[in-house]
């Protein structure tokens, strides 16, 4: 995995944009086609969703839950940035 270095401004902008996207995301379930693209990483994805207390039933998440997962994952990586 490559590390990406971003400035504080870029990090804060990314977080604010993801938070806004989270507010505006629908509770519509993500399509099976998108989930199929995860392929072999689907198991890891399901484990992370459970770890971050977002979803634990291994069903397809909603769009809002996907954005929350990305947002939470980036916020926990702040020390690495």
PDB file of N, CA and C in Angstrom:
ATOM      1  N   UNK A   1       0.839  -1.166   0.000  1.00  0.00           N
ATOM      2  CA  UNK A   1       0.000   0.000   0.000  1.00  0.00           C
ATOM      3  C   UNK A   1       0.892   1.240   0.000  1.00  0.00           C
ATOM      4  N   UNK A   2       0.613   2.166  -0.875  1.00  0.00           N
ATOM      5  CA  UNK A   2       1.364   3.407  -0.951  1.00  0.00           C
ATOM      6  C   UNK A   2       0.766   4.438  -0.008  1.00  0.00           C
ATOM      7  N   UNK A   3       1.631   5.223   0.606  1.00  0.00           N
ATOM      8  CA  UNK A   3       1.159   6.314   1.446  1.00  0.00           C
ATOM      9  C   UNK A   3       1.038   7.564   0.586  1.00  0.00           C
ATOM     10  N   UNK A   4      -0.009   8.298   0.833  1.00  0.00           N
ATOM     11  CA  UNK A   4      -0.246   9.535   0.110  1.00  0.00           C
ATOM     12  C   UNK A   4      -0.141  10.675   1.116  1.00  0.00           C
ATOM     13  N   UNK A   5       0.681  11.648   0.792  1.00  0.00           N
ATOM     14  CA  UNK A   5       0.862  12.783   1.680  1.00  0.00           C
ATOM     15  C   UNK A   5       0.014  13.938   1.155  1.00  0.00           C
ATOM     16  N   UNK A   6      -0.819  14.464   2.030  1.00  0.00           N
ATOM     17  CA  UNK A   6      -1.653  15.604   1.663  1.00  0.00           C
ATOM     18  C   UNK A   6      -1.433  16.714   2.683  1.00  0.00           C
ATOM     19  N   UNK A   7      -1.722  17.913   2.260  1.00  0.00           N
ATOM     20  CA  UNK A   7      -1.587  19.048   3.169  1.00  0.00           C
ATOM     21  C   UNK A   7      -2.779  19.076   4.126  1.00  0.00           C
ATOM     22  N   UNK A   8      -2.641  19.871   5.169  1.00  0.00           N
ATOM     23  CA  UNK A   8      -3.735  20.009   6.135  1.00  0.00           C
ATOM     24  C   UNK A   8      -4.983  20.560   5.442  1.00  0.00           C
ATOM     25  N   UNK A   9      -4.799  21.493   4.546  1.00  0.00           N
ATOM     26  CA  UNK A   9      -5.918  22.073   3.804  1.00  0.00           C
ATOM     27  C   UNK A   9      -6.633  21.004   2.975  1.00  0.00           C
ATOM     28  N   UNK A  10      -5.863  20.185   2.266  1.00  0.00           N
ATOM     29  CA  UNK A  10      -6.461  19.122   1.441  1.00  0.00           C
ATOM     30  C   UNK A  10      -7.207  18.110   2.303  1.00  0.00           C
ATOM     31  N   UNK A  11      -6.629  17.772   3.434  1.00  0.00           N
ATOM     32  CA  UNK A  11      -7.267  16.826   4.351  1.00  0.00           C
ATOM     33  C   UNK A  11      -8.585  17.385   4.869  1.00  0.00           C
ATOM     34  N   UNK A  12      -8.570  18.628   5.334  1.00  0.00           N
ATOM     35  CA  UNK A  12      -9.787  19.240   5.872  1.00  0.00           C
ATOM     36  C   UNK A  12     -10.847  19.424   4.797  1.00  0.00           C
ATOM     37  N   UNK A  13     -10.427  19.756   3.588  1.00  0.00           N
ATOM     38  CA  UNK A  13     -11.366  19.883   2.480  1.00  0.00           C
ATOM     39  C   UNK A  13     -12.000  18.534   2.159  1.00  0.00           C
ATOM     40  N   UNK A  14     -11.198  17.499   2.113  1.00  0.00           N
ATOM     41  CA  UNK A  14     -11.712  16.163   1.843  1.00  0.00           C
ATOM     42  C   UNK A  14     -12.722  15.738   2.904  1.00  0.00           C
ATOM     43  N   UNK A  15     -12.405  15.966   4.157  1.00  0.00           N
ATOM     44  CA  UNK A  15     -13.313  15.615   5.251  1.00  0.00           C
ATOM     45  C   UNK A  15     -14.618  16.396   5.145  1.00  0.00           C
ATOM     46  N   UNK A  16     -14.539  17.688   4.895  1.00  0.00           N
ATOM     47  CA  UNK A  16     -15.761  18.494   4.810  1.00  0.00           C
ATOM     48  C   UNK A  16     -16.620  18.084   3.614  1.00  0.00           C
ATOM     49  N   UNK A  17     -15.985  17.753   2.496  1.00  0.00           N
ATOM     50  CA  UNK A  17     -16.749  17.306   1.330  1.00  0.00           C
ATOM     51  C   UNK A  17     -17.407  15.958   1.584  1.00  0.00           C
ATOM     52  N   UNK A  18     -16.712  15.062   2.233  1.00  0.00           N
ATOM     53  CA  UNK A  18     -17.305  13.764   2.552  1.00  0.00           C
ATOM     54  C   UNK A  18     -18.441  13.899   3.562  1.00  0.00           C
ATOM     55  N   UNK A  19     -18.295  14.799   4.524  1.00  0.00           N
ATOM     56  CA  UNK A  19     -19.376  15.031   5.486  1.00  0.00           C
ATOM     57  C   UNK A  19     -20.613  15.589   4.789  1.00  0.00           C
ATOM     58  N   UNK A  20     -20.402  16.490   3.844  1.00  0.00           N
ATOM     59  CA  UNK A  20     -21.526  17.042   3.079  1.00  0.00           C
ATOM     60  C   UNK A  20     -22.166  15.957   2.212  1.00  0.00           C
ATOM     61  N   UNK A  21     -21.351  15.136   1.602  1.00  0.00           N
ATOM     62  CA  UNK A  21     -21.872  14.023   0.798  1.00  0.00           C
ATOM     63  C   UNK A  21     -22.655  13.054   1.667  1.00  0.00           C
ATOM     64  N   UNK A  22     -22.170  12.816   2.878  1.00  0.00           N
ATOM     65  CA  UNK A  22     -22.877  11.933   3.808  1.00  0.00           C
ATOM     66  C   UNK A  22     -24.264  12.473   4.136  1.00  0.00           C
ATOM     67  N   UNK A  23     -24.351  13.780   4.376  1.00  0.00           N
ATOM     68  CA  UNK A  23     -25.643  14.399   4.688  1.00  0.00           C
ATOM     69  C   UNK A  23     -26.618  14.265   3.528  1.00  0.00           C
ATOM     70  N   UNK A  24     -26.098  14.340   2.299  1.00  0.00           N
ATOM     71  CA  UNK A  24     -26.956  14.330   1.118  1.00  0.00           C
ATOM     72  C   UNK A  24     -27.130  12.958   0.485  1.00  0.00           C
ATOM     73  N   UNK A  25     -26.487  11.937   1.037  1.00  0.00           N
ATOM     74  CA  UNK A  25     -26.600  10.592   0.473  1.00  0.00           C
ATOM     75  C   UNK A  25     -27.950   9.986   0.804  1.00  0.00           C
ATOM     76  N   UNK A  26     -28.392   9.130  -0.083  1.00  0.00           N
ATOM     77  CA  UNK A  26     -29.679   8.479   0.136  1.00  0.00           C
ATOM     78  C   UNK A  26     -29.499   7.186   0.912  1.00  0.00           C
ATOM     79  N   UNK A  27     -30.600   6.660   1.396  1.00  0.00           N
ATOM     80  CA  UNK A  27     -30.584   5.374   2.086  1.00  0.00           C
ATOM     81  C   UNK A  27     -30.868   4.236   1.117  1.00  0.00           C
ATOM     82  N   UNK A  28     -30.628   4.502  -0.155  1.00  0.00           N
ATOM     83  CA  UNK A  28     -30.811   3.492  -1.192  1.00  0.00           C
ATOM     84  C   UNK A  28     -29.669   2.482  -1.106  1.00  0.00           C
ATOM     85  N   UNK A  29     -30.003   1.215  -1.254  1.00  0.00           N
ATOM     86  CA  UNK A  29     -28.989   0.163  -1.196  1.00  0.00           C
ATOM     87  C   UNK A  29     -28.078   0.244  -2.410  1.00  0.00           C
ATOM     88  N   UNK A  30     -26.800  -0.003  -2.175  1.00  0.00           N
ATOM     89  CA  UNK A  30     -25.807   0.005  -3.248  1.00  0.00           C
ATOM     90  C   UNK A  30     -26.094  -1.161  -4.183  1.00  0.00           C
ATOM     91  N   UNK A  31     -25.917  -0.939  -5.477  1.00  0.00           N
ATOM     92  CA  UNK A  31     -26.220  -1.980  -6.460  1.00  0.00           C
ATOM     93  C   UNK A  31     -25.295  -3.184  -6.302  1.00  0.00           C
ATOM     94  N   UNK A  32     -25.800  -4.337  -6.683  1.00  0.00           N
ATOM     95  CA  UNK A  32     -25.014  -5.564  -6.602  1.00  0.00           C
ATOM     96  C   UNK A  32     -23.800  -5.493  -7.529  1.00  0.00           C
ATOM     97  N   UNK A  33     -23.933  -4.778  -8.652  1.00  0.00           N
ATOM     98  CA  UNK A  33     -22.806  -4.631  -9.592  1.00  0.00           C
ATOM     99  C   UNK A  33     -21.617  -3.961  -8.921  1.00  0.00           C
ATOM    100  N   UNK A  34     -21.886  -2.913  -8.153  1.00  0.00           N
ATOM    101  CA  UNK A  34     -20.812  -2.224  -7.448  1.00  0.00           C
ATOM    102  C   UNK A  34     -20.181  -3.138  -6.406  1.00  0.00           C
ATOM    103  N   UNK A  35     -21.005  -3.868  -5.696  1.00  0.00           N
ATOM    104  CA  UNK A  35     -20.478  -4.774  -4.680  1.00  0.00           C
ATOM    105  C   UNK A  35     -19.682  -5.909  -5.310  1.00  0.00           C
ATOM    106  N   UNK A  36     -20.074  -6.346  -6.506  1.00  0.00           N
ATOM    107  CA  UNK A  36     -19.335  -7.395  -7.205  1.00  0.00           C
ATOM    108  C   UNK A  36     -17.947  -6.923  -7.609  1.00  0.00           C
ATOM    109  N   UNK A  37     -17.797  -5.613  -7.832  1.00  0.00           N
ATOM    110  CA  UNK A  37     -16.494  -5.059  -8.185  1.00  0.00           C
ATOM    111  C   UNK A  37     -15.499  -5.181  -7.032  1.00  0.00           C
ATOM    112  N   UNK A  38     -16.020  -5.258  -5.805  1.00  0.00           N
ATOM    113  CA  UNK A  38     -15.131  -5.442  -4.663  1.00  0.00           C
ATOM    114  C   UNK A  38     -14.480  -6.823  -4.709  1.00  0.00           C
ATOM    115  N   UNK A  39     -15.153  -7.765  -5.332  1.00  0.00           N
ATOM    116  CA  UNK A  39     -14.598  -9.096  -5.533  1.00  0.00           C
ATOM    117  C   UNK A  39     -14.056  -9.716  -4.270  1.00  0.00           C
ATOM    118  N   UNK A  40     -12.768 -10.018  -4.295  1.00  0.00           N
ATOM    119  CA  UNK A  40     -12.132 -10.715  -3.189  1.00  0.00           C
ATOM    120  C   UNK A  40     -11.995  -9.856  -1.940  1.00  0.00           C
ATOM    121  N   UNK A  41     -12.055  -8.553  -2.088  1.00  0.00           N
ATOM    122  CA  UNK A  41     -11.911  -7.686  -0.918  1.00  0.00           C
ATOM    123  C   UNK A  41     -13.234  -7.505  -0.177  1.00  0.00           C
ATOM    124  N   UNK A  42     -14.290  -8.143  -0.648  1.00  0.00           N
ATOM    125  CA  UNK A  42     -15.601  -7.999  -0.010  1.00  0.00           C
ATOM    126  C   UNK A  42     -15.570  -8.459   1.443  1.00  0.00           C
ATOM    127  N   UNK A  43     -14.849  -9.522   1.736  1.00  0.00           N
ATOM    128  CA  UNK A  43     -14.774 -10.027   3.114  1.00  0.00           C
ATOM    129  C   UNK A  43     -14.112  -8.985   4.017  1.00  0.00           C
ATOM    130  N   UNK A  44     -13.030  -8.391   3.551  1.00  0.00           N
ATOM    131  CA  UNK A  44     -12.352  -7.348   4.316  1.00  0.00           C
ATOM    132  C   UNK A  44     -13.266  -6.138   4.495  1.00  0.00           C
ATOM    133  N   UNK A  45     -13.983  -5.784   3.435  1.00  0.00           N
ATOM    134  CA  UNK A  45     -14.932  -4.666   3.501  1.00  0.00           C
ATOM    135  C   UNK A  45     -15.978  -4.935   4.579  1.00  0.00           C
ATOM    136  N   UNK A  46     -16.568  -6.140   4.589  1.00  0.00           N
ATOM    137  CA  UNK A  46     -17.582  -6.490   5.586  1.00  0.00           C
ATOM    138  C   UNK A  46     -17.008  -6.437   7.002  1.00  0.00           C
ATOM    139  N   UNK A  47     -15.769  -6.895   7.156  1.00  0.00           N
ATOM    140  CA  UNK A  47     -15.129  -6.844   8.473  1.00  0.00           C
ATOM    141  C   UNK A  47     -14.920  -5.406   8.938  1.00  0.00           C
ATOM    142  N   UNK A  48     -14.518  -4.536   8.018  1.00  0.00           N
ATOM    143  CA  UNK A  48     -14.318  -3.125   8.375  1.00  0.00           C
ATOM    144  C   UNK A  48     -15.639  -2.444   8.695  1.00  0.00           C
ATOM    145  N   UNK A  49     -16.684  -2.782   7.970  1.00  0.00           N
ATOM    146  CA  UNK A  49     -17.994  -2.198   8.265  1.00  0.00           C
ATOM    147  C   UNK A  49     -18.425  -2.589   9.676  1.00  0.00           C
ATOM    148  N   UNK A  50     -18.155  -3.817  10.070  1.00  0.00           N
ATOM    149  CA  UNK A  50     -18.486  -4.264  11.423  1.00  0.00           C
ATOM    150  C   UNK A  50     -17.566  -3.603  12.448  1.00  0.00           C
ATOM    151  N   UNK A  51     -16.274  -3.493  12.130  1.00  0.00           N
ATOM    152  CA  UNK A  51     -15.304  -2.892  13.044  1.00  0.00           C
ATOM    153  C   UNK A  51     -15.656  -1.439  13.363  1.00  0.00           C
ATOM    154  N   UNK A  52     -16.062  -0.693  12.363  1.00  0.00           N
ATOM    155  CA  UNK A  52     -16.420   0.712  12.561  1.00  0.00           C
ATOM    156  C   UNK A  52     -17.867   0.882  13.024  1.00  0.00           C
ATOM    157  N   UNK A  53     -18.533  -0.212  13.381  1.00  0.00           N
ATOM    158  CA  UNK A  53     -19.923  -0.190  13.878  1.00  0.00           C
ATOM    159  C   UNK A  53     -20.878   0.476  12.899  1.00  0.00           C
ATOM    160  N   UNK A  54     -20.706   0.199  11.614  1.00  0.00           N
ATOM    161  CA  UNK A  54     -21.582   0.761  10.599  1.00  0.00           C
ATOM    162  C   UNK A  54     -22.635  -0.265  10.188  1.00  0.00           C
ATOM    163  N   UNK A  55     -22.185  -1.492   9.953  1.00  0.00           N
ATOM    164  CA  UNK A  55     -23.110  -2.541   9.530  1.00  0.00           C
ATOM    165  C   UNK A  55     -22.475  -3.885   9.839  1.00  0.00           C
ATOM    166  N   UNK A  56     -23.286  -4.814  10.323  1.00  0.00           N
ATOM    167  CA  UNK A  56     -22.728  -6.099  10.738  1.00  0.00           C
ATOM    168  C   UNK A  56     -23.467  -7.296  10.150  1.00  0.00           C
ATOM    169  N   UNK A  57     -24.351  -7.078   9.193  1.00  0.00           N
ATOM    170  CA  UNK A  57     -25.170  -8.190   8.698  1.00  0.00           C
ATOM    171  C   UNK A  57     -24.725  -8.735   7.340  1.00  0.00           C
ATOM    172  N   UNK A  58     -23.629  -8.211   6.791  1.00  0.00           N
ATOM    173  CA  UNK A  58     -23.043  -8.670   5.522  1.00  0.00           C
ATOM    174  C   UNK A  58     -23.997  -8.550   4.327  1.00  0.00           C
ATOM    175  N   UNK A  59     -25.004  -7.719   4.445  1.00  0.00           N
ATOM    176  CA  UNK A  59     -25.874  -7.397   3.313  1.00  0.00           C
ATOM    177  C   UNK A  59     -25.280  -6.195   2.592  1.00  0.00           C
ATOM    178  N   UNK A  60     -25.810  -5.898   1.410  1.00  0.00           N
ATOM    179  CA  UNK A  60     -25.326  -4.718   0.692  1.00  0.00           C
ATOM    180  C   UNK A  60     -25.652  -3.463   1.496  1.00  0.00           C
ATOM    181  N   UNK A  61     -24.657  -2.601   1.706  1.00  0.00           N
ATOM    182  CA  UNK A  61     -24.880  -1.377   2.479  1.00  0.00           C
ATOM    183  C   UNK A  61     -25.637  -0.333   1.651  1.00  0.00           C
ATOM    184  N   UNK A  62     -26.091   0.690   2.337  1.00  0.00           N
ATOM    185  CA  UNK A  62     -26.710   1.813   1.640  1.00  0.00           C
ATOM    186  C   UNK A  62     -25.603   2.762   1.191  1.00  0.00           C
ATOM    187  N   UNK A  63     -25.952   3.686   0.325  1.00  0.00           N
ATOM    188  CA  UNK A  63     -24.971   4.664  -0.147  1.00  0.00           C
ATOM    189  C   UNK A  63     -24.460   5.507   1.019  1.00  0.00           C
ATOM    190  N   UNK A  64     -25.349   5.834   1.938  1.00  0.00           N
ATOM    191  CA  UNK A  64     -24.979   6.623   3.105  1.00  0.00           C
ATOM    192  C   UNK A  64     -23.965   5.863   3.963  1.00  0.00           C
ATOM    193  N   UNK A  65     -24.160   4.571   4.124  1.00  0.00           N
ATOM    194  CA  UNK A  65     -23.233   3.773   4.917  1.00  0.00           C
ATOM    195  C   UNK A  65     -21.868   3.668   4.238  1.00  0.00           C
ATOM    196  N   UNK A  66     -21.857   3.604   2.913  1.00  0.00           N
ATOM    197  CA  UNK A  66     -20.583   3.548   2.189  1.00  0.00           C
ATOM    198  C   UNK A  66     -19.790   4.839   2.406  1.00  0.00           C
ATOM    199  N   UNK A  67     -20.470   5.983   2.337  1.00  0.00           N
ATOM    200  CA  UNK A  67     -19.788   7.264   2.544  1.00  0.00           C
ATOM    201  C   UNK A  67     -19.295   7.359   3.982  1.00  0.00           C
ATOM    202  N   UNK A  68     -20.102   6.887   4.931  1.00  0.00           N
ATOM    203  CA  UNK A  68     -19.691   6.908   6.336  1.00  0.00           C
ATOM    204  C   UNK A  68     -18.459   6.040   6.533  1.00  0.00           C
ATOM    205  N   UNK A  69     -18.398   4.910   5.855  1.00  0.00           N
ATOM    206  CA  UNK A  69     -17.247   4.020   5.949  1.00  0.00           C
ATOM    207  C   UNK A  69     -15.983   4.730   5.453  1.00  0.00           C
ATOM    208  N   UNK A  70     -16.071   5.386   4.313  1.00  0.00           N
ATOM    209  CA  UNK A  70     -14.912   6.095   3.763  1.00  0.00           C
ATOM    210  C   UNK A  70     -14.495   7.234   4.692  1.00  0.00           C
ATOM    211  N   UNK A  71     -15.479   7.987   5.166  1.00  0.00           N
ATOM    212  CA  UNK A  71     -15.206   9.109   6.067  1.00  0.00           C
ATOM    213  C   UNK A  71     -14.536   8.636   7.352  1.00  0.00           C
ATOM    214  N   UNK A  72     -15.050   7.596   7.941  1.00  0.00           N
ATOM    215  CA  UNK A  72     -14.477   7.058   9.177  1.00  0.00           C
ATOM    216  C   UNK A  72     -13.075   6.535   8.938  1.00  0.00           C
ATOM    217  N   UNK A  73     -12.884   5.863   7.835  1.00  0.00           N
ATOM    218  CA  UNK A  73     -11.570   5.290   7.498  1.00  0.00           C
ATOM    219  C   UNK A  73     -10.530   6.404   7.323  1.00  0.00           C
ATOM    220  N   UNK A  74     -10.908   7.483   6.663  1.00  0.00           N
ATOM    221  CA  UNK A  74      -9.974   8.598   6.458  1.00  0.00           C
ATOM    222  C   UNK A  74      -9.684   9.312   7.773  1.00  0.00           C
ATOM    223  N   UNK A  75     -10.700   9.496   8.592  1.00  0.00           N
ATOM    224  CA  UNK A  75     -10.479  10.165   9.876  1.00  0.00           C
ATOM    225  C   UNK A  75      -9.545   9.358  10.779  1.00  0.00           C
ATOM    226  N   UNK A  76      -9.626   8.046  10.725  1.00  0.00           N
ATOM    227  CA  UNK A  76      -8.744   7.220  11.551  1.00  0.00           C
ATOM    228  C   UNK A  76      -7.326   7.207  11.013  1.00  0.00           C
ATOM    229  N   UNK A  77      -7.146   7.571   9.757  1.00  0.00           N
ATOM    230  CA  UNK A  77      -5.809   7.605   9.152  1.00  0.00           C
ATOM    231  C   UNK A  77      -5.144   8.952   9.313  1.00  0.00           C
ATOM    232  N   UNK A  78      -5.759   9.870  10.018  1.00  0.00           N
ATOM    233  CA  UNK A  78      -5.231  11.228  10.138  1.00  0.00           C
ATOM    234  C   UNK A  78      -3.792  11.241  10.624  1.00  0.00           C
ATOM    235  N   UNK A  79      -3.469  10.393  11.557  1.00  0.00           N
ATOM    236  CA  UNK A  79      -2.106  10.378  12.091  1.00  0.00           C
ATOM    237  C   UNK A  79      -1.102   9.954  11.023  1.00  0.00           C
ATOM    238  N   UNK A  80      -1.550   9.125  10.080  1.00  0.00           N
ATOM    239  CA  UNK A  80      -0.672   8.697   9.006  1.00  0.00           C
ATOM    240  C   UNK A  80      -0.464   9.797   7.975  1.00  0.00           C
ATOM    241  N   UNK A  81      -1.420  10.730   7.893  1.00  0.00           N
ATOM    242  CA  UNK A  81      -1.308  11.806   6.918  1.00  0.00           C
ATOM    243  C   UNK A  81      -0.421  12.891   7.483  1.00  0.00           C
TER     244      UNK A  81
END
